[in-house]
Every structure is written in structure tokens, then in C-alpha cells.
Amino acid sequence: MNGYLGELKKSFLVTGVGSLPQKDALSAINFVFEALSYQIPFWPQLPQKSFLENMYVQFSEKFPGLVVDEAQKTVSVNTDGQPYMDALEECFNKVQADDVDYFSLSNGHAQSFHLFTQRLMALGWQGWVKAQIIGPFSFGLSLLDQNKKPILYNPELTELLPLFLSLKVSWMIRQIKVHVKTKIIIFIDEPYLVAVGTDQNTLTRQQVVDKINIVVRLIHANGALAGLHCCGNTDWDLVLSTEIDILNFDAYGYFDKIALYEKSLLAFLKKGGMPALGIVPTNDDLLTEGLEDKLFDVLKKHSKFLTNGALITPSCGLSGLSEAVSKTAIDMCVRLAERLKAEF
């Protein structure tokens, strides 16, 4: 576990999973810092603003053979021809050279990221801050080649995937680290881990773990904490066998299911790991009368998993909600965190 994970221990702080519904990047940044200045501000992804800010597209810049059609809202990889081979060679060379700037996020794909880092710089931010990157397993399953086959199963590209994303995240961390005391958390978003154990996935468990760990180790090498977010149900033994520091899951929908992996969870906590509980729903249930008290009762029911403290988050991204309802979700997270501090 990363050295300064201990600074989070026993705390109950709030952050976001990633996306917000705003179409204006500056208003999204203002929302984050108004709602979470005393918590853990996060970089808001804005898929409603642009197709290029969909997380499967946002991190794909400079990927060999990439074909993006904004009008049709499609993204794919074409592995035919010499241009692809040249781009593949160049990308591997840039990885080998550790050319972090080559893997940067452009303003067109991530305006909110650039505004986020500018805000951190202006504030001389010395507290916790959180960003996220798509995981290699989900990226590899979601991005298809010209034959509609996931690039996860292309021998060359499956090797490149975690290396490519590792250099992306290295660049991101260097931008976010605006002060020597800035403390950074990076969540690896792996929604496609729900495919583990199904015929959608032909990788072994160890191959999945190894790909995730390549990204985790680069996050650690850059002095940040590594979390993993999966908003569905999966093989939690597999997830907990990775080298992550923080586990973010949909506690609203799946707490009872993940609690079945009690042995692995308790071992994760004993090593110093921390849960990030996605306890606040991101659907119409959010407006149910008395929901907050019910959620607090669920958290108390599972108190044995709170021995190291916990981060509190929405169950998933908030881009599907209205701006007003997304504020309701974040505000509820903050109130639940305050109640946990008082209780524990």
C-alpha cells in the first residue's frame, strides 16, 4: 500500500466518481469546488459537453489506428495498412522513451481537466484531489477493430493497452501536482469487469490482474494513490488481489453481494486498504423520501468494513442526472460522511 494512504485512515471524506451533467466546463469546475472544497475535489468529465469527453474516447488520443467519427459518435481502431504499423511503432517507441508529454490530454478532449489544474494552481492546492482514467480491461473490451473484435484480443494492442494508459496517467499526475503537499488519488475506471466470468472475456484472471497492476504501479511510481471503480458486480476476489489502495464500488446496489467476499475484504483492510462506498444512487431512487436515513442504516450494518474509514461517493457518474439532482447526490454524500464521522 502507498505510504501516505495512512493520512486518509479513519477519515470519512467525499469525492465524485467522475462525470457530471454540465455542458460548460467552467461551471462544472465551480460546482466541484463549491461542493467539495473541504472534501476531495475531483476532475469532472463532461460527456454531455462533447462526444470526445466520453471516457472511452477521451483517453484514446494518439492510439494507433484510431478512427473517431464525431457525427456518428463512434470510435474504433483500424489495424490495416502501413499507417497503422507506423503509428504502432511510434507509440511503442514513445512508451520506451517515457515521453510523457506525447500522451497528454488535449483541450478538445478534456477542457475541464485543464481548467481543473488551473484552479488547483491558482489555489496552491495542498489537500487531497482526485482524478480518473479508464482501465485497460474496459478500454480493451470497448474499443473494437475494423472487424468488430475487441482490441483486448489483438496480440500487439493488448500489450500496449496498460502501457499507453500508464503514460497518460503519468502526464495527468504531473499536471495535478501543483504543490509539494498536493495529495493525489487516481481511480482506474473498470466497468467492464462485470464481464469477468462470462463468455465476453477470454483472458485468465491473472492476465486481467497483471494489466491493472501495470497502471497501478505507474500511479504509485508517480507518488499517488490508486483506486479502482467498478459500478457493477464482478469477481471481487480478483479485484482485491490487485495492488490498489482504494476500492470504489456501487454500495447502493451491491453491498450485500460484495460482503460475501468478507475474507478478501478484511484482508484488504488489514493491509491498510480503504473502501470508497458508492452508497448514494444515481437514478430516480435518489429522490425517495427518507433515503438518507436508510443509507446510513446500511452503512452501520456493514460497520466492520469501516475500520479504516471510508470515502463516500455516488454509486457511479452523475452525467445522466440534471444539474440540480446531481447536486442533491453530492450533498447527500457530504451529509452521510459527516454522520459517519460523528458515529465512528
Protein backbone atom coordinates (compact mmCIF):
# COMPACT_ATOMS: atom_id res chain seq x y z
CA MET A 1 0.00 0.00 0.00
CA ASN A 2 1.16 3.53 -0.80
CA GLY A 3 2.90 5.36 2.02
CA TYR A 4 0.57 8.27 2.56
CA LEU A 5 -2.59 6.17 2.47
CA GLY A 6 -2.25 6.34 6.24
CA GLU A 7 -3.10 10.05 6.08
CA LEU A 8 -6.59 9.07 4.92
CA LYS A 9 -7.04 6.41 7.58
CA LYS A 10 -10.03 6.80 9.89
CA SER A 11 -11.34 9.71 7.81
CA PHE A 12 -14.70 9.97 6.07
CA LEU A 13 -14.38 12.24 3.06
CA VAL A 14 -16.41 12.72 -0.11
CA THR A 15 -15.38 12.69 -3.75
CA GLY A 16 -17.01 12.05 -7.12
CA VAL A 17 -16.75 9.06 -9.40
CA GLY A 18 -16.05 11.14 -12.50
CA SER A 19 -18.75 12.54 -14.74
CA LEU A 20 -21.10 15.49 -14.25
CA PRO A 21 -24.04 16.65 -16.41
CA GLN A 22 -22.76 20.18 -17.10
CA LYS A 23 -22.07 21.20 -20.68
CA ASP A 24 -19.93 24.15 -19.63
CA ALA A 25 -16.54 23.21 -18.23
CA LEU A 26 -16.11 26.27 -16.03
CA SER A 27 -19.49 25.80 -14.36
CA ALA A 28 -18.57 22.17 -13.65
CA ILE A 29 -15.29 23.23 -12.03
CA ASN A 30 -17.10 25.84 -9.95
CA PHE A 31 -19.63 23.22 -8.85
CA VAL A 32 -16.90 20.82 -7.73
CA PHE A 33 -15.03 23.37 -5.66
CA GLU A 34 -18.17 24.87 -4.14
CA ALA A 35 -19.48 21.44 -3.11
CA LEU A 36 -16.23 19.73 -2.11
CA SER A 37 -13.67 22.34 -1.05
CA TYR A 38 -13.47 20.71 2.37
CA GLN A 39 -13.63 17.20 0.95
CA ILE A 40 -11.77 15.79 -2.08
CA PRO A 41 -12.37 17.84 -5.24
CA PHE A 42 -12.36 15.73 -8.40
CA TRP A 43 -11.82 16.33 -12.09
CA PRO A 44 -15.29 16.33 -13.70
CA GLN A 45 -15.62 14.56 -17.04
CA LEU A 46 -18.34 16.09 -19.23
CA PRO A 47 -19.73 13.61 -21.78
CA GLN A 48 -22.81 15.83 -22.29
CA LYS A 49 -20.50 18.61 -23.48
CA SER A 50 -18.82 16.60 -26.23
CA PHE A 51 -18.58 13.06 -27.57
CA LEU A 52 -14.82 13.46 -27.18
CA GLU A 53 -15.30 13.60 -23.39
CA ASN A 54 -16.88 10.15 -23.30
CA MET A 55 -14.29 8.24 -21.28
CA TYR A 56 -13.80 5.62 -24.00
CA VAL A 57 -12.85 8.39 -26.43
CA GLN A 58 -11.24 10.87 -24.04
CA PHE A 59 -8.21 8.70 -23.33
CA SER A 60 -7.81 7.36 -26.87
CA GLU A 61 -5.81 10.25 -28.38
CA LYS A 62 -2.64 9.05 -30.13
CA PHE A 63 -3.74 5.40 -30.01
CA PRO A 64 -2.50 3.60 -33.15
CA GLY A 65 -5.12 3.22 -35.89
CA LEU A 66 -7.72 5.29 -34.08
CA VAL A 67 -10.79 6.32 -36.10
CA VAL A 68 -13.15 8.82 -34.43
CA ASP A 69 -16.43 9.83 -36.10
CA GLU A 70 -17.94 12.62 -34.03
CA ALA A 71 -21.01 12.90 -36.27
CA GLN A 72 -21.90 9.23 -35.84
CA LYS A 73 -20.48 9.13 -32.32
CA THR A 74 -18.31 6.12 -33.00
CA VAL A 75 -14.71 5.27 -32.21
CA SER A 76 -12.75 2.28 -33.47
CA VAL A 77 -9.29 1.07 -34.45
CA ASN A 78 -8.23 0.20 -38.00
CA THR A 79 -5.29 -2.20 -37.96
CA ASP A 80 -4.98 -2.44 -41.75
CA GLY A 81 -2.15 -0.88 -43.72
CA GLN A 82 1.23 0.74 -43.25
CA PRO A 83 -0.06 3.91 -41.50
CA TYR A 84 -1.26 1.73 -38.61
CA MET A 85 2.07 -0.12 -38.42
CA ASP A 86 3.96 3.18 -38.41
CA ALA A 87 1.72 4.60 -35.66
CA LEU A 88 2.09 1.41 -33.62
CA GLU A 89 5.88 1.56 -33.83
CA GLU A 90 5.90 5.25 -32.91
CA CYS A 91 3.66 4.65 -29.90
CA PHE A 92 5.81 1.82 -28.56
CA ASN A 93 8.91 3.99 -29.09
CA LYS A 94 7.30 6.82 -27.11
CA VAL A 95 6.45 4.37 -24.31
CA GLN A 96 10.01 3.07 -24.25
CA ALA A 97 11.35 6.65 -24.17
CA ASP A 98 8.96 7.55 -21.33
CA ASP A 99 7.82 10.51 -23.44
CA VAL A 100 5.03 11.54 -21.06
CA ASP A 101 4.09 14.72 -22.96
CA TYR A 102 3.26 12.67 -26.07
CA PHE A 103 0.38 11.11 -24.13
CA SER A 104 -1.16 14.36 -22.89
CA LEU A 105 -4.90 15.12 -22.90
CA SER A 106 -5.76 17.88 -25.35
CA ASN A 107 -8.09 20.75 -24.57
CA GLY A 108 -10.54 19.39 -27.14
CA HIS A 109 -10.81 16.06 -25.34
CA ALA A 110 -10.59 17.35 -21.77
CA GLN A 111 -11.15 21.09 -21.39
CA SER A 112 -12.36 20.51 -17.85
CA PHE A 113 -9.07 18.81 -16.94
CA HIS A 114 -7.08 21.85 -18.00
CA LEU A 115 -9.41 24.21 -16.10
CA PHE A 116 -9.23 21.89 -13.10
CA THR A 117 -5.44 22.02 -12.97
CA GLN A 118 -5.53 25.79 -13.44
CA ARG A 119 -7.88 26.11 -10.46
CA LEU A 120 -5.63 23.91 -8.34
CA MET A 121 -2.65 26.05 -9.33
CA ALA A 122 -4.48 29.29 -8.52
CA LEU A 123 -5.39 27.94 -5.09
CA GLY A 124 -1.92 26.49 -4.43
CA TRP A 125 -3.83 23.32 -3.54
CA GLN A 126 -2.24 21.37 -0.69
CA GLY A 127 -5.02 18.92 0.13
CA TRP A 128 -6.40 15.78 -1.43
CA VAL A 129 -7.53 15.78 -5.05
CA LYS A 130 -8.89 13.04 -7.27
CA ALA A 131 -8.87 12.22 -10.99
CA GLN A 132 -9.60 9.10 -13.00
CA ILE A 133 -8.60 7.13 -16.08
CA ILE A 134 -10.28 4.30 -17.94
CA GLY A 135 -8.80 0.91 -17.08
CA PRO A 136 -7.00 -1.31 -19.61
CA PHE A 137 -9.55 -4.12 -19.42
CA SER A 138 -12.56 -1.87 -20.09
CA PHE A 139 -10.69 0.16 -22.72
CA GLY A 140 -9.66 -3.04 -24.50
CA LEU A 141 -13.15 -4.54 -24.50
CA SER A 142 -14.97 -1.37 -25.53
CA LEU A 143 -12.65 -0.34 -28.38
CA LEU A 144 -13.24 -2.52 -31.46
CA ASP A 145 -11.18 -3.01 -34.60
CA GLN A 146 -12.45 -2.90 -38.19
CA ASN A 147 -13.69 -6.49 -37.80
CA LYS A 148 -15.73 -5.61 -34.69
CA LYS A 149 -13.30 -7.53 -32.49
CA PRO A 150 -12.20 -6.01 -29.15
CA ILE A 151 -8.61 -4.80 -29.29
CA LEU A 152 -8.11 -6.59 -25.97
CA TYR A 153 -7.57 -9.72 -28.07
CA ASN A 154 -5.14 -8.18 -30.57
CA PRO A 155 -1.68 -9.55 -29.58
CA GLU A 156 0.14 -6.24 -30.15
CA LEU A 157 -2.51 -3.88 -28.82
CA THR A 158 -3.29 -5.89 -25.70
CA GLU A 159 0.37 -5.46 -24.71
CA LEU A 160 0.22 -1.74 -25.48
CA LEU A 161 -3.03 -1.01 -23.60
CA PRO A 162 -1.78 -0.77 -19.99
CA LEU A 163 1.47 0.92 -21.07
CA PHE A 164 -0.40 3.54 -23.11
CA LEU A 165 -2.76 4.32 -20.22
CA SER A 166 0.11 4.38 -17.73
CA LEU A 167 1.83 7.17 -19.65
CA LYS A 168 -1.48 9.04 -19.85
CA VAL A 169 -1.90 8.85 -16.10
CA SER A 170 1.73 9.85 -15.52
CA TRP A 171 1.12 13.03 -17.52
CA MET A 172 -2.11 13.71 -15.60
CA ILE A 173 -0.47 13.37 -12.19
CA ARG A 174 2.33 15.75 -13.17
CA GLN A 175 -0.27 18.37 -14.12
CA ILE A 176 -2.29 17.92 -10.93
CA LYS A 177 0.74 18.03 -8.61
CA VAL A 178 0.66 21.82 -8.25
CA HIS A 179 2.27 21.89 -4.81
CA VAL A 180 4.66 19.64 -2.94
CA LYS A 181 1.83 18.95 -0.47
CA THR A 182 -0.81 18.11 -3.08
CA LYS A 183 -2.02 14.57 -2.37
CA ILE A 184 -3.44 12.74 -5.39
CA ILE A 185 -5.84 9.84 -5.83
CA ILE A 186 -6.37 8.26 -9.26
CA PHE A 187 -9.31 5.92 -9.79
CA ILE A 188 -8.98 3.33 -12.55
CA ASP A 189 -12.48 3.02 -14.03
CA GLU A 190 -13.20 -0.61 -14.91
CA PRO A 191 -16.95 -1.00 -15.56
CA TYR A 192 -16.31 -3.90 -17.95
CA LEU A 193 -15.06 -6.06 -15.10
CA VAL A 194 -18.67 -7.25 -14.97
CA ALA A 195 -17.64 -9.38 -17.99
CA VAL A 196 -15.18 -11.43 -15.91
CA GLY A 197 -16.52 -14.95 -15.71
CA THR A 198 -18.64 -14.56 -18.87
CA ASP A 199 -18.00 -15.53 -22.49
CA GLN A 200 -17.22 -11.87 -23.25
CA ASN A 201 -13.83 -12.35 -21.61
CA THR A 202 -11.26 -14.94 -22.61
CA LEU A 203 -8.35 -13.60 -20.55
CA THR A 204 -7.26 -15.51 -17.47
CA ARG A 205 -7.77 -13.95 -14.06
CA GLN A 206 -4.02 -13.35 -13.77
CA GLN A 207 -3.88 -11.60 -17.14
CA VAL A 208 -6.61 -9.19 -16.02
CA VAL A 209 -4.84 -8.56 -12.70
CA ASP A 210 -1.48 -8.03 -14.42
CA LYS A 211 -2.89 -5.41 -16.81
CA ILE A 212 -4.48 -3.45 -13.98
CA ASN A 213 -1.33 -3.70 -11.86
CA ILE A 214 0.81 -2.14 -14.61
CA VAL A 215 -1.31 1.01 -14.33
CA VAL A 216 -1.41 0.84 -10.53
CA ARG A 217 2.37 0.66 -10.31
CA LEU A 218 2.81 3.73 -12.53
CA ILE A 219 0.35 5.61 -10.34
CA HIS A 220 2.37 4.62 -7.27
CA ALA A 221 5.65 5.47 -9.01
CA ASN A 222 4.30 8.99 -9.51
CA GLY A 223 3.52 9.34 -5.81
CA ALA A 224 -0.27 8.95 -6.00
CA LEU A 225 -2.80 6.56 -4.52
CA ALA A 226 -4.51 4.08 -6.84
CA GLY A 227 -8.19 3.27 -6.57
CA LEU A 228 -10.39 1.11 -8.76
CA HIS A 229 -14.03 1.81 -9.60
CA CYS A 230 -16.46 -0.84 -10.83
CA CYS A 231 -20.14 0.10 -10.81
CA GLY A 232 -21.48 -3.43 -11.34
CA ASN A 233 -20.98 -6.81 -9.75
CA THR A 234 -17.83 -8.77 -10.53
CA ASP A 235 -15.30 -11.22 -9.13
CA TRP A 236 -14.26 -9.13 -6.14
CA ASP A 237 -11.58 -11.65 -5.16
CA LEU A 238 -9.89 -10.82 -8.46
CA VAL A 239 -10.19 -7.06 -7.88
CA LEU A 240 -8.91 -7.29 -4.31
CA SER A 241 -5.90 -9.32 -5.45
CA THR A 242 -4.61 -6.30 -7.39
CA GLU A 243 -2.28 -3.73 -5.80
CA ILE A 244 -4.88 -0.98 -5.43
CA ASP A 245 -5.13 1.19 -2.30
CA ILE A 246 -8.83 2.10 -2.57
CA LEU A 247 -11.83 0.05 -3.78
CA ASN A 248 -14.80 2.04 -5.11
CA PHE A 249 -17.97 0.05 -5.73
CA ASP A 250 -21.72 0.54 -6.04
CA ALA A 251 -22.59 0.07 -2.39
CA TYR A 252 -26.19 1.10 -3.07
CA GLY A 253 -26.82 -1.78 -5.44
CA TYR A 254 -24.26 -4.39 -4.45
CA PHE A 255 -23.12 -4.03 -0.83
CA ASP A 256 -24.67 -7.35 0.16
CA LYS A 257 -23.00 -9.08 -2.79
CA ILE A 258 -19.53 -7.71 -2.13
CA ALA A 259 -19.97 -8.52 1.58
CA LEU A 260 -19.97 -12.19 0.52
CA TYR A 261 -16.23 -11.71 -0.16
CA GLU A 262 -15.68 -10.89 3.51
CA LYS A 263 -12.38 -12.76 3.82
CA SER A 264 -10.79 -10.86 0.92
CA LEU A 265 -12.28 -7.56 2.06
CA LEU A 266 -10.98 -7.91 5.59
CA ALA A 267 -7.53 -8.91 4.27
CA PHE A 268 -7.58 -5.78 2.07
CA LEU A 269 -8.41 -3.65 5.11
CA LYS A 270 -5.75 -5.35 7.22
CA LYS A 271 -3.15 -4.33 4.61
CA GLY A 272 -4.32 -0.75 5.06
CA GLY A 273 -6.72 -0.55 2.12
CA MET A 274 -9.73 1.75 2.15
CA PRO A 275 -13.24 1.36 0.73
CA ALA A 276 -14.84 4.11 -1.31
CA LEU A 277 -18.53 3.45 -0.88
CA GLY A 278 -20.81 4.41 -3.77
CA ILE A 279 -23.77 4.48 -1.43
CA VAL A 280 -25.81 7.31 -2.98
CA PRO A 281 -27.80 6.18 -6.06
CA THR A 282 -27.61 7.94 -9.40
CA ASN A 283 -31.16 7.14 -10.52
CA ASP A 284 -34.71 8.10 -9.53
CA ASP A 285 -34.26 6.38 -6.16
CA LEU A 286 -32.26 9.44 -5.14
CA LEU A 287 -35.48 11.38 -4.57
CA THR A 288 -37.10 8.72 -2.35
CA GLU A 289 -38.36 10.14 0.93
CA GLY A 290 -36.24 9.07 3.90
CA LEU A 291 -33.47 7.70 1.67
CA GLU A 292 -30.60 9.27 3.60
CA ASP A 293 -31.60 7.59 6.87
CA LYS A 294 -31.96 4.25 5.09
CA LEU A 295 -28.50 4.59 3.55
CA PHE A 296 -26.99 5.48 6.90
CA ASP A 297 -28.56 2.33 8.38
CA VAL A 298 -26.96 0.27 5.57
CA LEU A 299 -23.55 1.77 6.37
CA LYS A 300 -23.94 0.98 10.08
CA LYS A 301 -24.99 -2.57 9.22
CA HIS A 302 -21.63 -3.03 7.46
CA SER A 303 -19.59 -1.17 10.07
CA LYS A 304 -16.89 -3.88 10.19
CA PHE A 305 -15.77 -2.67 6.77
CA LEU A 306 -15.31 0.89 8.04
CA THR A 307 -12.43 0.23 10.42
CA ASN A 308 -10.03 2.25 8.23
CA GLY A 309 -12.59 4.92 7.49
CA ALA A 310 -14.07 5.29 4.01
CA LEU A 311 -14.56 7.63 1.13
CA ILE A 312 -18.19 8.33 0.28
CA THR A 313 -19.20 8.70 -3.37
CA PRO A 314 -22.23 8.43 -5.63
CA SER A 315 -22.71 4.89 -6.95
CA CYS A 316 -21.48 5.93 -10.41
CA GLY A 317 -21.01 9.01 -12.58
CA LEU A 318 -23.65 11.76 -12.45
CA SER A 319 -23.81 12.73 -16.13
CA GLY A 320 -27.24 11.13 -16.58
CA LEU A 321 -28.87 13.40 -13.98
CA SER A 322 -29.90 17.03 -14.12
CA GLU A 323 -27.50 19.54 -12.59
CA ALA A 324 -29.90 20.10 -9.69
CA VAL A 325 -30.27 16.39 -8.93
CA SER A 326 -26.52 15.79 -9.24
CA LYS A 327 -26.08 18.46 -6.54
CA THR A 328 -28.61 16.56 -4.42
CA ALA A 329 -26.46 13.44 -4.78
CA ILE A 330 -23.21 15.15 -3.79
CA ASP A 331 -24.86 16.98 -0.89
CA MET A 332 -26.25 13.68 0.42
CA CYS A 333 -22.77 12.14 0.23
CA VAL A 334 -21.42 15.03 2.32
CA ARG A 335 -24.15 14.67 4.96
CA LEU A 336 -23.59 10.91 5.21
CA ALA A 337 -19.86 11.43 5.62
CA GLU A 338 -20.48 13.92 8.44
CA ARG A 339 -22.81 11.46 10.16
CA LEU A 340 -20.19 8.71 9.87
CA LYS A 341 -17.57 10.99 11.44
CA ALA A 342 -19.91 11.58 14.37
CA GLU A 343 -20.74 7.88 14.69
CA PHE A 344 -17.24 6.41 14.35
